[in-house]
Amino acid sequence: MRFTYMTSAAFNQNPSKAKKAASEHPLVITEHGEASYVLVRYSAFEENWRKPKSLYEALSDETSAFDEDFDPARTTFAGRDIEL
């Protein structure tokens, strides 16, 4: 999931711009460089945060940012003493 960022000062000066940005992606509002609030459309809120998903639904979610295959580094035993 992509996020859009906006400072709290920019949010206070132009809330309509913030609403427009939040209609496309969740908008993270920052204060002093730290994330403090998230603004999302209500439909996105209901879709993603209110309704609990089953494990199957979460794993098969096409919009997930974590859709890359798990590929761990290969472990070798070179340089290790093995006692049997």
N, C-alpha and C. Protein backbone atom coordinates (compact mmCIF):
# COMPACT_ATOMS: atom_id res chain seq x y z
N MET A 1 0.85 -1.18 0.00
CA MET A 1 0.00 0.00 0.00
C MET A 1 0.89 1.24 0.00
N ARG A 2 0.64 2.14 -0.92
CA ARG A 2 1.39 3.38 -0.99
C ARG A 2 0.79 4.42 -0.06
N PHE A 3 1.63 5.29 0.45
CA PHE A 3 1.19 6.38 1.31
C PHE A 3 1.62 7.70 0.70
N THR A 4 0.86 8.74 0.99
CA THR A 4 1.22 10.11 0.63
C THR A 4 1.50 10.83 1.94
N TYR A 5 2.47 11.73 1.94
CA TYR A 5 2.86 12.44 3.16
C TYR A 5 2.58 13.93 3.03
N MET A 6 2.20 14.55 4.14
CA MET A 6 1.95 15.98 4.19
C MET A 6 2.27 16.47 5.60
N THR A 7 2.86 17.63 5.70
CA THR A 7 3.15 18.19 7.02
C THR A 7 1.85 18.70 7.65
N SER A 8 1.84 18.83 8.96
CA SER A 8 0.64 19.33 9.63
C SER A 8 0.38 20.78 9.26
N ALA A 9 1.43 21.56 9.00
CA ALA A 9 1.25 22.95 8.59
C ALA A 9 0.56 23.02 7.23
N ALA A 10 0.99 22.18 6.29
CA ALA A 10 0.37 22.15 4.97
C ALA A 10 -1.08 21.66 5.06
N PHE A 11 -1.32 20.70 5.96
CA PHE A 11 -2.69 20.21 6.16
C PHE A 11 -3.59 21.32 6.70
N ASN A 12 -3.09 22.10 7.66
CA ASN A 12 -3.89 23.19 8.23
C ASN A 12 -4.16 24.29 7.20
N GLN A 13 -3.22 24.55 6.31
CA GLN A 13 -3.39 25.59 5.31
C GLN A 13 -4.33 25.18 4.19
N ASN A 14 -4.35 23.89 3.84
CA ASN A 14 -5.14 23.46 2.69
C ASN A 14 -5.76 22.08 2.94
N PRO A 15 -6.82 22.01 3.75
CA PRO A 15 -7.44 20.70 4.03
C PRO A 15 -8.10 20.07 2.80
N SER A 16 -8.54 20.88 1.85
CA SER A 16 -9.16 20.30 0.65
C SER A 16 -8.12 19.55 -0.19
N LYS A 17 -6.88 20.05 -0.21
CA LYS A 17 -5.80 19.34 -0.91
C LYS A 17 -5.51 18.02 -0.21
N ALA A 18 -5.59 18.02 1.12
CA ALA A 18 -5.38 16.80 1.89
C ALA A 18 -6.47 15.77 1.59
N LYS A 19 -7.72 16.22 1.51
CA LYS A 19 -8.81 15.30 1.20
C LYS A 19 -8.64 14.72 -0.20
N LYS A 20 -8.21 15.54 -1.14
CA LYS A 20 -7.98 15.07 -2.51
C LYS A 20 -6.87 14.02 -2.54
N ALA A 21 -5.78 14.29 -1.81
CA ALA A 21 -4.67 13.34 -1.76
C ALA A 21 -5.10 12.04 -1.07
N ALA A 22 -5.93 12.13 -0.03
CA ALA A 22 -6.38 10.94 0.70
C ALA A 22 -7.36 10.11 -0.10
N SER A 23 -7.99 10.70 -1.12
CA SER A 23 -8.91 9.92 -1.94
C SER A 23 -8.16 8.94 -2.84
N GLU A 24 -6.87 9.21 -3.09
CA GLU A 24 -6.07 8.32 -3.94
C GLU A 24 -5.29 7.30 -3.12
N HIS A 25 -4.63 7.74 -2.04
CA HIS A 25 -3.84 6.89 -1.16
C HIS A 25 -3.98 7.41 0.26
N PRO A 26 -3.76 6.55 1.26
CA PRO A 26 -3.77 7.05 2.63
C PRO A 26 -2.76 8.18 2.79
N LEU A 27 -3.16 9.23 3.49
CA LEU A 27 -2.33 10.41 3.68
C LEU A 27 -1.78 10.41 5.10
N VAL A 28 -0.47 10.39 5.23
CA VAL A 28 0.18 10.43 6.54
C VAL A 28 0.50 11.89 6.83
N ILE A 29 0.00 12.39 7.95
CA ILE A 29 0.25 13.77 8.36
C ILE A 29 1.37 13.74 9.39
N THR A 30 2.42 14.53 9.12
CA THR A 30 3.59 14.51 9.97
C THR A 30 3.69 15.78 10.81
N GLU A 31 4.25 15.63 11.99
CA GLU A 31 4.55 16.75 12.88
C GLU A 31 6.00 16.63 13.28
N HIS A 32 6.80 17.64 12.97
CA HIS A 32 8.23 17.66 13.27
C HIS A 32 8.94 16.44 12.68
N GLY A 33 8.53 16.04 11.48
CA GLY A 33 9.17 14.93 10.80
C GLY A 33 8.71 13.54 11.21
N GLU A 34 7.82 13.45 12.18
CA GLU A 34 7.32 12.17 12.67
C GLU A 34 5.87 11.98 12.25
N ALA A 35 5.51 10.79 11.80
CA ALA A 35 4.13 10.49 11.43
C ALA A 35 3.25 10.58 12.67
N SER A 36 2.12 11.29 12.55
CA SER A 36 1.25 11.41 13.72
C SER A 36 -0.20 11.03 13.43
N TYR A 37 -0.68 11.24 12.20
CA TYR A 37 -2.07 10.90 11.86
C TYR A 37 -2.10 10.31 10.45
N VAL A 38 -3.19 9.57 10.18
CA VAL A 38 -3.42 9.04 8.84
C VAL A 38 -4.83 9.40 8.44
N LEU A 39 -4.98 9.97 7.25
CA LEU A 39 -6.28 10.34 6.71
C LEU A 39 -6.59 9.42 5.54
N VAL A 40 -7.72 8.72 5.60
CA VAL A 40 -8.14 7.81 4.53
C VAL A 40 -9.62 8.03 4.24
N ARG A 41 -10.04 7.61 3.05
CA ARG A 41 -11.47 7.63 2.72
C ARG A 41 -12.16 6.61 3.62
N TYR A 42 -13.41 6.88 3.97
CA TYR A 42 -14.14 5.98 4.86
C TYR A 42 -14.28 4.59 4.24
N SER A 43 -14.49 4.52 2.93
CA SER A 43 -14.62 3.22 2.27
C SER A 43 -13.33 2.41 2.39
N ALA A 44 -12.18 3.07 2.28
CA ALA A 44 -10.91 2.37 2.45
C ALA A 44 -10.73 1.92 3.89
N PHE A 45 -11.17 2.75 4.83
CA PHE A 45 -11.11 2.39 6.24
C PHE A 45 -11.93 1.13 6.51
N GLU A 46 -13.15 1.09 6.00
CA GLU A 46 -13.99 -0.08 6.20
C GLU A 46 -13.41 -1.32 5.54
N GLU A 47 -12.86 -1.13 4.34
CA GLU A 47 -12.28 -2.25 3.59
C GLU A 47 -11.11 -2.87 4.31
N ASN A 48 -10.21 -2.04 4.83
CA ASN A 48 -8.94 -2.54 5.32
C ASN A 48 -8.82 -2.68 6.83
N TRP A 49 -9.52 -1.89 7.60
CA TRP A 49 -9.27 -1.89 9.03
C TRP A 49 -10.44 -2.35 9.88
N ARG A 50 -11.64 -2.23 9.43
CA ARG A 50 -12.76 -2.61 10.28
C ARG A 50 -13.12 -4.07 10.13
N LYS A 51 -13.06 -4.59 8.92
CA LYS A 51 -13.47 -5.97 8.69
C LYS A 51 -12.28 -6.90 8.89
N PRO A 52 -12.35 -7.81 9.84
CA PRO A 52 -11.23 -8.74 10.01
C PRO A 52 -11.14 -9.68 8.81
N LYS A 53 -9.92 -9.94 8.38
CA LYS A 53 -9.70 -10.83 7.24
C LYS A 53 -9.27 -12.19 7.76
N SER A 54 -9.65 -13.21 7.00
CA SER A 54 -9.14 -14.53 7.31
C SER A 54 -7.70 -14.61 6.83
N LEU A 55 -6.97 -15.61 7.26
CA LEU A 55 -5.59 -15.77 6.82
C LEU A 55 -5.53 -15.94 5.31
N TYR A 56 -6.46 -16.71 4.76
CA TYR A 56 -6.51 -16.91 3.31
C TYR A 56 -6.73 -15.59 2.58
N GLU A 57 -7.65 -14.75 3.05
CA GLU A 57 -7.91 -13.46 2.41
C GLU A 57 -6.69 -12.55 2.48
N ALA A 58 -6.01 -12.56 3.61
CA ALA A 58 -4.83 -11.71 3.76
C ALA A 58 -3.70 -12.17 2.84
N LEU A 59 -3.52 -13.48 2.70
CA LEU A 59 -2.44 -13.99 1.85
C LEU A 59 -2.76 -13.85 0.37
N SER A 60 -4.02 -13.85 0.00
CA SER A 60 -4.38 -13.75 -1.41
C SER A 60 -4.76 -12.33 -1.82
N ASP A 61 -4.50 -11.35 -0.97
CA ASP A 61 -4.83 -9.96 -1.26
C ASP A 61 -3.95 -9.44 -2.40
N GLU A 62 -4.56 -9.05 -3.51
CA GLU A 62 -3.82 -8.57 -4.68
C GLU A 62 -3.23 -7.18 -4.45
N THR A 63 -3.78 -6.39 -3.54
CA THR A 63 -3.32 -5.03 -3.33
C THR A 63 -2.22 -4.94 -2.27
N SER A 64 -1.79 -6.08 -1.76
CA SER A 64 -0.78 -6.09 -0.70
C SER A 64 0.56 -5.60 -1.22
N ALA A 65 1.27 -4.86 -0.38
CA ALA A 65 2.61 -4.40 -0.73
C ALA A 65 3.63 -5.51 -0.50
N PHE A 66 3.23 -6.59 0.13
CA PHE A 66 4.14 -7.68 0.46
C PHE A 66 3.86 -8.89 -0.42
N ASP A 67 3.85 -8.69 -1.74
CA ASP A 67 3.52 -9.80 -2.63
C ASP A 67 4.74 -10.47 -3.23
N GLU A 68 5.94 -10.09 -2.79
CA GLU A 68 7.14 -10.73 -3.29
C GLU A 68 7.32 -12.08 -2.61
N ASP A 69 7.89 -13.04 -3.35
CA ASP A 69 8.13 -14.35 -2.79
C ASP A 69 9.23 -14.28 -1.74
N PHE A 70 9.11 -15.12 -0.73
CA PHE A 70 10.12 -15.20 0.32
C PHE A 70 11.30 -15.97 -0.21
N ASP A 71 12.48 -15.37 -0.21
CA ASP A 71 13.68 -15.99 -0.74
C ASP A 71 14.83 -15.76 0.24
N PRO A 72 14.94 -16.60 1.28
CA PRO A 72 15.99 -16.37 2.27
C PRO A 72 17.38 -16.71 1.72
N ALA A 73 18.39 -16.14 2.33
CA ALA A 73 19.77 -16.43 1.94
C ALA A 73 20.10 -17.87 2.28
N ARG A 74 20.86 -18.52 1.42
CA ARG A 74 21.22 -19.92 1.62
C ARG A 74 22.29 -20.02 2.72
N THR A 75 22.12 -20.96 3.62
CA THR A 75 23.05 -21.17 4.71
C THR A 75 24.01 -22.29 4.36
N THR A 76 25.27 -22.08 4.64
CA THR A 76 26.26 -23.13 4.40
C THR A 76 26.91 -23.48 5.73
N PHE A 77 27.55 -24.64 5.75
CA PHE A 77 28.25 -25.10 6.95
C PHE A 77 29.77 -24.99 6.79
N ALA A 78 30.21 -24.25 5.79
CA ALA A 78 31.66 -24.09 5.56
C ALA A 78 32.27 -23.35 6.74
N GLY A 79 33.39 -23.86 7.21
CA GLY A 79 34.08 -23.22 8.31
C GLY A 79 33.52 -23.58 9.68
N ARG A 80 32.60 -24.48 9.74
CA ARG A 80 32.03 -24.89 11.03
C ARG A 80 32.46 -26.33 11.32
N ASP A 81 32.78 -26.61 12.56
CA ASP A 81 33.10 -27.96 12.98
C ASP A 81 31.80 -28.68 13.32
N ILE A 82 31.62 -29.81 12.71
CA ILE A 82 30.39 -30.59 12.95
C ILE A 82 30.77 -31.85 13.68
N GLU A 83 30.13 -32.08 14.82
CA GLU A 83 30.38 -33.29 15.60
C GLU A 83 29.12 -34.14 15.56
N LEU A 84 29.34 -35.43 15.27
CA LEU A 84 28.20 -36.36 15.23
C LEU A 84 28.33 -37.39 16.32
